[in-house]
Amino acid sequence: MGGYRGARALVAELADARLSGAVCVGCAPFFDEVVPGESSEARIDRVTVAERLCSACPVRAACDAVAAELGREAVGVWAGRMCGEKGQGR
C-alpha cells in the first residue's frame, strides 16, 4: 500500500506541487465535469460526493488558488465547487 501513496503524491506533483496530498488524486471521475452517458440524477450524486471529499481536503485553499490561476481551463470540481460549466464565471 505504501507504493500507492507514493504514486498519488507523484501524480499530484505532476499537476502542481501545491496539490500534493489532495484527497481527489486517483478518484476520477468523481471530479470530472462530464461523464459520458451519466444521467442528471447520477451527476448530482457524483458531484455531491466530490464536494464532500473536498470539504475535508488538506489542500483545499491551494486547490482554490490553482483553479483561479487556471481560469477557464479549470473544469470539474475544484476546491469544493464545479468549475468550467457553461455560463459559470470564475
PDB file of N, CA and C in Angstrom:
ATOM      1  N   MET A   1       0.822  -1.190   0.000  1.00  0.00           N
ATOM      2  CA  MET A   1       0.000   0.000   0.000  1.00  0.00           C
ATOM      3  C   MET A   1       0.865   1.252   0.000  1.00  0.00           C
ATOM      4  N   GLY A   2       2.085   1.180   0.510  1.00  0.00           N
ATOM      5  CA  GLY A   2       2.967   2.330   0.521  1.00  0.00           C
ATOM      6  C   GLY A   2       3.274   2.836  -0.877  1.00  0.00           C
ATOM      7  N   GLY A   3       3.358   1.924  -1.863  1.00  0.00           N
ATOM      8  CA  GLY A   3       3.600   2.326  -3.234  1.00  0.00           C
ATOM      9  C   GLY A   3       2.463   3.155  -3.794  1.00  0.00           C
ATOM     10  N   TYR A   4       1.247   2.829  -3.371  1.00  0.00           N
ATOM     11  CA  TYR A   4       0.084   3.585  -3.841  1.00  0.00           C
ATOM     12  C   TYR A   4       0.142   5.020  -3.359  1.00  0.00           C
ATOM     13  N   ARG A   5       0.489   5.229  -2.092  1.00  0.00           N
ATOM     14  CA  ARG A   5       0.618   6.584  -1.566  1.00  0.00           C
ATOM     15  C   ARG A   5       1.694   7.347  -2.332  1.00  0.00           C
ATOM     16  N   GLY A   6       2.784   6.701  -2.664  1.00  0.00           N
ATOM     17  CA  GLY A   6       3.845   7.344  -3.428  1.00  0.00           C
ATOM     18  C   GLY A   6       3.377   7.741  -4.816  1.00  0.00           C
ATOM     19  N   ALA A   7       2.598   6.891  -5.444  1.00  0.00           N
ATOM     20  CA  ALA A   7       2.071   7.194  -6.771  1.00  0.00           C
ATOM     21  C   ALA A   7       1.120   8.375  -6.712  1.00  0.00           C
ATOM     22  N   ARG A   8       0.278   8.434  -5.679  1.00  0.00           N
ATOM     23  CA  ARG A   8      -0.650   9.554  -5.536  1.00  0.00           C
ATOM     24  C   ARG A   8       0.115  10.866  -5.402  1.00  0.00           C
ATOM     25  N   ALA A   9       1.164  10.873  -4.618  1.00  0.00           N
ATOM     26  CA  ALA A   9       1.959  12.095  -4.438  1.00  0.00           C
ATOM     27  C   ALA A   9       2.619  12.493  -5.753  1.00  0.00           C
ATOM     28  N   LEU A  10       3.123  11.519  -6.494  1.00  0.00           N
ATOM     29  CA  LEU A  10       3.771  11.797  -7.773  1.00  0.00           C
ATOM     30  C   LEU A  10       2.785  12.421  -8.758  1.00  0.00           C
ATOM     31  N   VAL A  11       1.593  11.864  -8.853  1.00  0.00           N
ATOM     32  CA  VAL A  11       0.589  12.403  -9.772  1.00  0.00           C
ATOM     33  C   VAL A  11       0.237  13.833  -9.384  1.00  0.00           C
ATOM     34  N   ALA A  12       0.054  14.100  -8.107  1.00  0.00           N
ATOM     35  CA  ALA A  12      -0.275  15.449  -7.652  1.00  0.00           C
ATOM     36  C   ALA A  12       0.847  16.421  -7.993  1.00  0.00           C
ATOM     37  N   GLU A  13       2.082  15.984  -7.821  1.00  0.00           N
ATOM     38  CA  GLU A  13       3.211  16.855  -8.112  1.00  0.00           C
ATOM     39  C   GLU A  13       3.328  17.145  -9.602  1.00  0.00           C
ATOM     40  N   LEU A  14       2.945  16.193 -10.433  1.00  0.00           N
ATOM     41  CA  LEU A  14       2.978  16.437 -11.871  1.00  0.00           C
ATOM     42  C   LEU A  14       1.981  17.523 -12.253  1.00  0.00           C
ATOM     43  N   ALA A  15       0.851  17.576 -11.565  1.00  0.00           N
ATOM     44  CA  ALA A  15      -0.160  18.589 -11.847  1.00  0.00           C
ATOM     45  C   ALA A  15       0.269  19.929 -11.278  1.00  0.00           C
ATOM     46  N   ASP A  16       0.580  19.972 -10.009  1.00  0.00           N
ATOM     47  CA  ASP A  16       1.006  21.185  -9.317  1.00  0.00           C
ATOM     48  C   ASP A  16       1.448  20.755  -7.927  1.00  0.00           C
ATOM     49  N   ALA A  17       2.653  21.091  -7.553  1.00  0.00           N
ATOM     50  CA  ALA A  17       3.201  20.655  -6.264  1.00  0.00           C
ATOM     51  C   ALA A  17       2.334  21.075  -5.087  1.00  0.00           C
ATOM     52  N   ARG A  18       1.603  22.160  -5.235  1.00  0.00           N
ATOM     53  CA  ARG A  18       0.733  22.622  -4.150  1.00  0.00           C
ATOM     54  C   ARG A  18      -0.413  21.672  -3.878  1.00  0.00           C
ATOM     55  N   LEU A  19      -0.701  20.783  -4.820  1.00  0.00           N
ATOM     56  CA  LEU A  19      -1.821  19.865  -4.670  1.00  0.00           C
ATOM     57  C   LEU A  19      -1.416  18.504  -4.106  1.00  0.00           C
ATOM     58  N   SER A  20      -0.150  18.356  -3.767  1.00  0.00           N
ATOM     59  CA  SER A  20       0.314  17.117  -3.166  1.00  0.00           C
ATOM     60  C   SER A  20      -0.436  16.879  -1.858  1.00  0.00           C
ATOM     61  N   GLY A  21      -1.034  15.709  -1.728  1.00  0.00           N
ATOM     62  CA  GLY A  21      -1.824  15.382  -0.548  1.00  0.00           C
ATOM     63  C   GLY A  21      -3.310  15.592  -0.744  1.00  0.00           C
ATOM     64  N   ALA A  22      -3.717  16.000  -1.929  1.00  0.00           N
ATOM     65  CA  ALA A  22      -5.141  16.216  -2.208  1.00  0.00           C
ATOM     66  C   ALA A  22      -5.901  14.894  -2.154  1.00  0.00           C
ATOM     67  N   VAL A  23      -7.087  14.913  -1.567  1.00  0.00           N
ATOM     68  CA  VAL A  23      -7.875  13.688  -1.453  1.00  0.00           C
ATOM     69  C   VAL A  23      -8.449  13.235  -2.795  1.00  0.00           C
ATOM     70  N   CYS A  24      -8.489  14.105  -3.781  1.00  0.00           N
ATOM     71  CA  CYS A  24      -9.074  13.760  -5.080  1.00  0.00           C
ATOM     72  C   CYS A  24      -8.144  12.945  -5.966  1.00  0.00           C
ATOM     73  N   VAL A  25      -6.857  12.936  -5.674  1.00  0.00           N
ATOM     74  CA  VAL A  25      -5.912  12.240  -6.536  1.00  0.00           C
ATOM     75  C   VAL A  25      -6.283  10.761  -6.622  1.00  0.00           C
ATOM     76  N   GLY A  26      -6.494  10.305  -7.830  1.00  0.00           N
ATOM     77  CA  GLY A  26      -6.852   8.912  -8.071  1.00  0.00           C
ATOM     78  C   GLY A  26      -8.335   8.620  -7.938  1.00  0.00           C
ATOM     79  N   CYS A  27      -9.154   9.650  -7.748  1.00  0.00           N
ATOM     80  CA  CYS A  27     -10.590   9.451  -7.543  1.00  0.00           C
ATOM     81  C   CYS A  27     -11.444   9.846  -8.739  1.00  0.00           C
ATOM     82  N   ALA A  28     -10.832  10.106  -9.880  1.00  0.00           N
ATOM     83  CA  ALA A  28     -11.637  10.417 -11.068  1.00  0.00           C
ATOM     84  C   ALA A  28     -12.512   9.210 -11.345  1.00  0.00           C
ATOM     85  N   PRO A  29     -13.699   9.363 -11.830  1.00  0.00           N
ATOM     86  CA  PRO A  29     -14.295  10.540 -12.423  1.00  0.00           C
ATOM     87  C   PRO A  29     -15.154  11.394 -11.481  1.00  0.00           C
ATOM     88  N   PHE A  30     -15.091  11.162 -10.175  1.00  0.00           N
ATOM     89  CA  PHE A  30     -15.908  11.970  -9.259  1.00  0.00           C
ATOM     90  C   PHE A  30     -15.776  13.467  -9.537  1.00  0.00           C
ATOM     91  N   PHE A  31     -14.589  13.909  -9.897  1.00  0.00           N
ATOM     92  CA  PHE A  31     -14.299  15.332 -10.013  1.00  0.00           C
ATOM     93  C   PHE A  31     -14.384  15.855 -11.450  1.00  0.00           C
ATOM     94  N   ASP A  32     -14.719  14.976 -12.385  1.00  0.00           N
ATOM     95  CA  ASP A  32     -14.812  15.375 -13.789  1.00  0.00           C
ATOM     96  C   ASP A  32     -16.033  16.251 -14.036  1.00  0.00           C
ATOM     97  N   GLU A  33     -15.933  17.101 -15.041  1.00  0.00           N
ATOM     98  CA  GLU A  33     -17.055  17.957 -15.414  1.00  0.00           C
ATOM     99  C   GLU A  33     -18.185  17.113 -16.003  1.00  0.00           C
ATOM    100  N   VAL A  34     -17.836  16.215 -16.903  1.00  0.00           N
ATOM    101  CA  VAL A  34     -18.824  15.406 -17.607  1.00  0.00           C
ATOM    102  C   VAL A  34     -18.380  13.951 -17.608  1.00  0.00           C
ATOM    103  N   VAL A  35     -19.329  13.058 -17.373  1.00  0.00           N
ATOM    104  CA  VAL A  35     -19.091  11.631 -17.514  1.00  0.00           C
ATOM    105  C   VAL A  35     -20.067  11.146 -18.585  1.00  0.00           C
ATOM    106  N   PRO A  36     -19.559  10.677 -19.734  1.00  0.00           N
ATOM    107  CA  PRO A  36     -20.438  10.269 -20.833  1.00  0.00           C
ATOM    108  C   PRO A  36     -21.487   9.244 -20.383  1.00  0.00           C
ATOM    109  N   GLY A  37     -22.721   9.486 -20.806  1.00  0.00           N
ATOM    110  CA  GLY A  37     -23.811   8.566 -20.517  1.00  0.00           C
ATOM    111  C   GLY A  37     -24.419   8.706 -19.132  1.00  0.00           C
ATOM    112  N   GLU A  38     -23.950   9.649 -18.370  1.00  0.00           N
ATOM    113  CA  GLU A  38     -24.423   9.824 -16.998  1.00  0.00           C
ATOM    114  C   GLU A  38     -25.764  10.564 -16.978  1.00  0.00           C
ATOM    115  N   SER A  39     -26.693  10.087 -16.153  1.00  0.00           N
ATOM    116  CA  SER A  39     -27.981  10.764 -16.015  1.00  0.00           C
ATOM    117  C   SER A  39     -27.807  12.015 -15.158  1.00  0.00           C
ATOM    118  N   SER A  40     -28.756  12.907 -15.221  1.00  0.00           N
ATOM    119  CA  SER A  40     -28.715  14.131 -14.407  1.00  0.00           C
ATOM    120  C   SER A  40     -28.669  13.798 -12.926  1.00  0.00           C
ATOM    121  N   GLU A  41     -29.468  12.801 -12.509  1.00  0.00           N
ATOM    122  CA  GLU A  41     -29.509  12.405 -11.104  1.00  0.00           C
ATOM    123  C   GLU A  41     -28.165  11.833 -10.653  1.00  0.00           C
ATOM    124  N   ALA A  42     -27.572  10.989 -11.496  1.00  0.00           N
ATOM    125  CA  ALA A  42     -26.274  10.397 -11.168  1.00  0.00           C
ATOM    126  C   ALA A  42     -25.195  11.481 -11.093  1.00  0.00           C
ATOM    127  N   ARG A  43     -25.282  12.467 -11.976  1.00  0.00           N
ATOM    128  CA  ARG A  43     -24.304  13.567 -11.965  1.00  0.00           C
ATOM    129  C   ARG A  43     -24.402  14.350 -10.660  1.00  0.00           C
ATOM    130  N   ILE A  44     -25.621  14.656 -10.254  1.00  0.00           N
ATOM    131  CA  ILE A  44     -25.820  15.384  -8.993  1.00  0.00           C
ATOM    132  C   ILE A  44     -25.227  14.597  -7.836  1.00  0.00           C
ATOM    133  N   ASP A  45     -25.489  13.289  -7.799  1.00  0.00           N
ATOM    134  CA  ASP A  45     -24.948  12.447  -6.725  1.00  0.00           C
ATOM    135  C   ASP A  45     -23.426  12.425  -6.753  1.00  0.00           C
ATOM    136  N   ARG A  46     -22.854  12.278  -7.955  1.00  0.00           N
ATOM    137  CA  ARG A  46     -21.391  12.212  -8.099  1.00  0.00           C
ATOM    138  C   ARG A  46     -20.738  13.515  -7.662  1.00  0.00           C
ATOM    139  N   VAL A  47     -21.273  14.633  -8.105  1.00  0.00           N
ATOM    140  CA  VAL A  47     -20.699  15.938  -7.762  1.00  0.00           C
ATOM    141  C   VAL A  47     -20.849  16.201  -6.256  1.00  0.00           C
ATOM    142  N   THR A  48     -21.947  15.757  -5.674  1.00  0.00           N
ATOM    143  CA  THR A  48     -22.142  15.908  -4.230  1.00  0.00           C
ATOM    144  C   THR A  48     -21.064  15.157  -3.460  1.00  0.00           C
ATOM    145  N   VAL A  49     -20.738  13.948  -3.902  1.00  0.00           N
ATOM    146  CA  VAL A  49     -19.662  13.167  -3.259  1.00  0.00           C
ATOM    147  C   VAL A  49     -18.338  13.920  -3.400  1.00  0.00           C
ATOM    148  N   ALA A  50     -18.055  14.423  -4.592  1.00  0.00           N
ATOM    149  CA  ALA A  50     -16.807  15.157  -4.825  1.00  0.00           C
ATOM    150  C   ALA A  50     -16.724  16.383  -3.919  1.00  0.00           C
ATOM    151  N   GLU A  51     -17.806  17.127  -3.816  1.00  0.00           N
ATOM    152  CA  GLU A  51     -17.817  18.326  -2.971  1.00  0.00           C
ATOM    153  C   GLU A  51     -17.587  17.968  -1.507  1.00  0.00           C
ATOM    154  N   ARG A  52     -18.150  16.851  -1.055  1.00  0.00           N
ATOM    155  CA  ARG A  52     -17.936  16.406   0.333  1.00  0.00           C
ATOM    156  C   ARG A  52     -16.485  16.020   0.567  1.00  0.00           C
ATOM    157  N   LEU A  53     -15.881  15.338  -0.396  1.00  0.00           N
ATOM    158  CA  LEU A  53     -14.464  14.981  -0.266  1.00  0.00           C
ATOM    159  C   LEU A  53     -13.609  16.245  -0.174  1.00  0.00           C
ATOM    160  N   CYS A  54     -13.932  17.234  -0.971  1.00  0.00           N
ATOM    161  CA  CYS A  54     -13.188  18.498  -0.950  1.00  0.00           C
ATOM    162  C   CYS A  54     -13.293  19.193   0.402  1.00  0.00           C
ATOM    163  N   SER A  55     -14.428  19.074   1.045  1.00  0.00           N
ATOM    164  CA  SER A  55     -14.642  19.809   2.298  1.00  0.00           C
ATOM    165  C   SER A  55     -13.644  19.406   3.381  1.00  0.00           C
ATOM    166  N   ALA A  56     -13.104  18.193   3.284  1.00  0.00           N
ATOM    167  CA  ALA A  56     -12.140  17.725   4.280  1.00  0.00           C
ATOM    168  C   ALA A  56     -10.708  17.666   3.734  1.00  0.00           C
ATOM    169  N   CYS A  57     -10.480  18.237   2.566  1.00  0.00           N
ATOM    170  CA  CYS A  57      -9.174  18.138   1.920  1.00  0.00           C
ATOM    171  C   CYS A  57      -8.167  19.093   2.565  1.00  0.00           C
ATOM    172  N   PRO A  58      -6.970  18.594   2.853  1.00  0.00           N
ATOM    173  CA  PRO A  58      -5.954  19.441   3.484  1.00  0.00           C
ATOM    174  C   PRO A  58      -5.364  20.507   2.558  1.00  0.00           C
ATOM    175  N   VAL A  59      -5.594  20.392   1.260  1.00  0.00           N
ATOM    176  CA  VAL A  59      -5.033  21.371   0.325  1.00  0.00           C
ATOM    177  C   VAL A  59      -6.132  22.162  -0.390  1.00  0.00           C
ATOM    178  N   ARG A  60      -7.278  22.279   0.233  1.00  0.00           N
ATOM    179  CA  ARG A  60      -8.407  22.959  -0.402  1.00  0.00           C
ATOM    180  C   ARG A  60      -8.082  24.412  -0.781  1.00  0.00           C
ATOM    181  N   ALA A  61      -7.420  25.135   0.098  1.00  0.00           N
ATOM    182  CA  ALA A  61      -7.078  26.532  -0.202  1.00  0.00           C
ATOM    183  C   ALA A  61      -6.129  26.612  -1.396  1.00  0.00           C
ATOM    184  N   ALA A  62      -5.153  25.712  -1.452  1.00  0.00           N
ATOM    185  CA  ALA A  62      -4.226  25.690  -2.589  1.00  0.00           C
ATOM    186  C   ALA A  62      -4.964  25.306  -3.866  1.00  0.00           C
ATOM    187  N   CYS A  63      -5.898  24.392  -3.759  1.00  0.00           N
ATOM    188  CA  CYS A  63      -6.696  23.971  -4.910  1.00  0.00           C
ATOM    189  C   CYS A  63      -7.498  25.153  -5.452  1.00  0.00           C
ATOM    190  N   ASP A  64      -8.057  25.925  -4.564  1.00  0.00           N
ATOM    191  CA  ASP A  64      -8.814  27.116  -4.968  1.00  0.00           C
ATOM    192  C   ASP A  64      -7.901  28.099  -5.704  1.00  0.00           C
ATOM    193  N   ALA A  65      -6.688  28.272  -5.192  1.00  0.00           N
ATOM    194  CA  ALA A  65      -5.722  29.177  -5.831  1.00  0.00           C
ATOM    195  C   ALA A  65      -5.327  28.672  -7.214  1.00  0.00           C
ATOM    196  N   VAL A  66      -5.070  27.372  -7.340  1.00  0.00           N
ATOM    197  CA  VAL A  66      -4.695  26.795  -8.636  1.00  0.00           C
ATOM    198  C   VAL A  66      -5.849  26.945  -9.623  1.00  0.00           C
ATOM    199  N   ALA A  67      -7.074  26.683  -9.177  1.00  0.00           N
ATOM    200  CA  ALA A  67      -8.240  26.823 -10.051  1.00  0.00           C
ATOM    201  C   ALA A  67      -8.376  28.266 -10.528  1.00  0.00           C
ATOM    202  N   ALA A  68      -8.145  29.210  -9.639  1.00  0.00           N
ATOM    203  CA  ALA A  68      -8.229  30.625 -10.025  1.00  0.00           C
ATOM    204  C   ALA A  68      -7.163  30.954 -11.070  1.00  0.00           C
ATOM    205  N   GLU A  69      -5.961  30.420 -10.895  1.00  0.00           N
ATOM    206  CA  GLU A  69      -4.876  30.652 -11.856  1.00  0.00           C
ATOM    207  C   GLU A  69      -5.198  30.024 -13.213  1.00  0.00           C
ATOM    208  N   LEU A  70      -5.832  28.859 -13.194  1.00  0.00           N
ATOM    209  CA  LEU A  70      -6.175  28.177 -14.440  1.00  0.00           C
ATOM    210  C   LEU A  70      -7.336  28.845 -15.168  1.00  0.00           C
ATOM    211  N   GLY A  71      -8.167  29.554 -14.429  1.00  0.00           N
ATOM    212  CA  GLY A  71      -9.307  30.224 -15.045  1.00  0.00           C
ATOM    213  C   GLY A  71     -10.234  29.248 -15.726  1.00  0.00           C
ATOM    214  N   ARG A  72     -10.520  29.504 -16.989  1.00  0.00           N
ATOM    215  CA  ARG A  72     -11.458  28.664 -17.746  1.00  0.00           C
ATOM    216  C   ARG A  72     -10.930  27.256 -18.011  1.00  0.00           C
ATOM    217  N   GLU A  73      -9.638  27.064 -17.830  1.00  0.00           N
ATOM    218  CA  GLU A  73      -9.068  25.729 -18.027  1.00  0.00           C
ATOM    219  C   GLU A  73      -9.379  24.800 -16.865  1.00  0.00           C
ATOM    220  N   ALA A  74      -9.768  25.337 -15.726  1.00  0.00           N
ATOM    221  CA  ALA A  74     -10.152  24.516 -14.574  1.00  0.00           C
ATOM    222  C   ALA A  74     -11.574  24.031 -14.802  1.00  0.00           C
ATOM    223  N   VAL A  75     -11.722  22.749 -15.063  1.00  0.00           N
ATOM    224  CA  VAL A  75     -13.051  22.171 -15.277  1.00  0.00           C
ATOM    225  C   VAL A  75     -13.261  21.024 -14.304  1.00  0.00           C
ATOM    226  N   GLY A  76     -14.499  20.823 -13.933  1.00  0.00           N
ATOM    227  CA  GLY A  76     -14.819  19.796 -12.957  1.00  0.00           C
ATOM    228  C   GLY A  76     -14.869  20.409 -11.566  1.00  0.00           C
ATOM    229  N   VAL A  77     -14.829  19.559 -10.564  1.00  0.00           N
ATOM    230  CA  VAL A  77     -14.910  20.044  -9.184  1.00  0.00           C
ATOM    231  C   VAL A  77     -13.513  20.422  -8.710  1.00  0.00           C
ATOM    232  N   TRP A  78     -13.371  21.662  -8.290  1.00  0.00           N
ATOM    233  CA  TRP A  78     -12.126  22.209  -7.740  1.00  0.00           C
ATOM    234  C   TRP A  78     -12.469  22.901  -6.433  1.00  0.00           C
ATOM    235  N   ALA A  79     -11.782  22.562  -5.371  1.00  0.00           N
ATOM    236  CA  ALA A  79     -11.956  23.215  -4.064  1.00  0.00           C
ATOM    237  C   ALA A  79     -13.416  23.221  -3.609  1.00  0.00           C
ATOM    238  N   GLY A  80     -14.127  22.168  -3.949  1.00  0.00           N
ATOM    239  CA  GLY A  80     -15.491  22.016  -3.466  1.00  0.00           C
ATOM    240  C   GLY A  80     -16.574  22.651  -4.296  1.00  0.00           C
ATOM    241  N   ARG A  81     -16.227  23.106  -5.504  1.00  0.00           N
ATOM    242  CA  ARG A  81     -17.279  23.664  -6.366  1.00  0.00           C
ATOM    243  C   ARG A  81     -16.987  23.319  -7.828  1.00  0.00           C
ATOM    244  N   MET A  82     -18.060  23.286  -8.606  1.00  0.00           N
ATOM    245  CA  MET A  82     -17.931  22.958 -10.017  1.00  0.00           C
ATOM    246  C   MET A  82     -17.391  24.163 -10.777  1.00  0.00           C
ATOM    247  N   CYS A  83     -16.356  23.935 -11.550  1.00  0.00           N
ATOM    248  CA  CYS A  83     -15.745  24.976 -12.380  1.00  0.00           C
ATOM    249  C   CYS A  83     -15.879  24.581 -13.841  1.00  0.00           C
ATOM    250  N   GLY A  84     -15.932  25.601 -14.678  1.00  0.00           N
ATOM    251  CA  GLY A  84     -15.898  25.362 -16.112  1.00  0.00           C
ATOM    252  C   GLY A  84     -17.217  25.002 -16.734  1.00  0.00           C
ATOM    253  N   GLU A  85     -18.295  25.087 -15.982  1.00  0.00           N
ATOM    254  CA  GLU A  85     -19.585  24.792 -16.558  1.00  0.00           C
ATOM    255  C   GLU A  85     -20.039  25.937 -17.440  1.00  0.00           C
ATOM    256  N   LYS A  86     -20.806  25.621 -18.432  1.00  0.00           N
ATOM    257  CA  LYS A  86     -21.338  26.622 -19.357  1.00  0.00           C
ATOM    258  C   LYS A  86     -22.072  27.715 -18.568  1.00  0.00           C
ATOM    259  N   GLY A  87     -21.695  28.947 -18.821  1.00  0.00           N
ATOM    260  CA  GLY A  87     -22.366  30.051 -18.171  1.00  0.00           C
ATOM    261  C   GLY A  87     -21.865  30.378 -16.770  1.00  0.00           C
ATOM    262  N   GLN A  88     -20.871  29.641 -16.301  1.00  0.00           N
ATOM    263  CA  GLN A  88     -20.353  29.903 -14.949  1.00  0.00           C
ATOM    264  C   GLN A  88     -19.068  30.687 -15.034  1.00  0.00           C
ATOM    265  N   GLY A  89     -19.034  31.815 -14.415  1.00  0.00           N
ATOM    266  CA  GLY A  89     -17.815  32.630 -14.408  1.00  0.00           C
ATOM    267  C   GLY A  89     -16.907  32.216 -13.274  1.00  0.00           C
ATOM    268  N   ARG A  90     -15.682  32.589 -13.399  1.00  0.00           N
ATOM    269  CA  ARG A  90     -14.703  32.266 -12.336  1.00  0.00           C
ATOM    270  C   ARG A  90     -13.841  33.465 -12.157  1.00  0.00           C
TER     271      ARG A  90
END
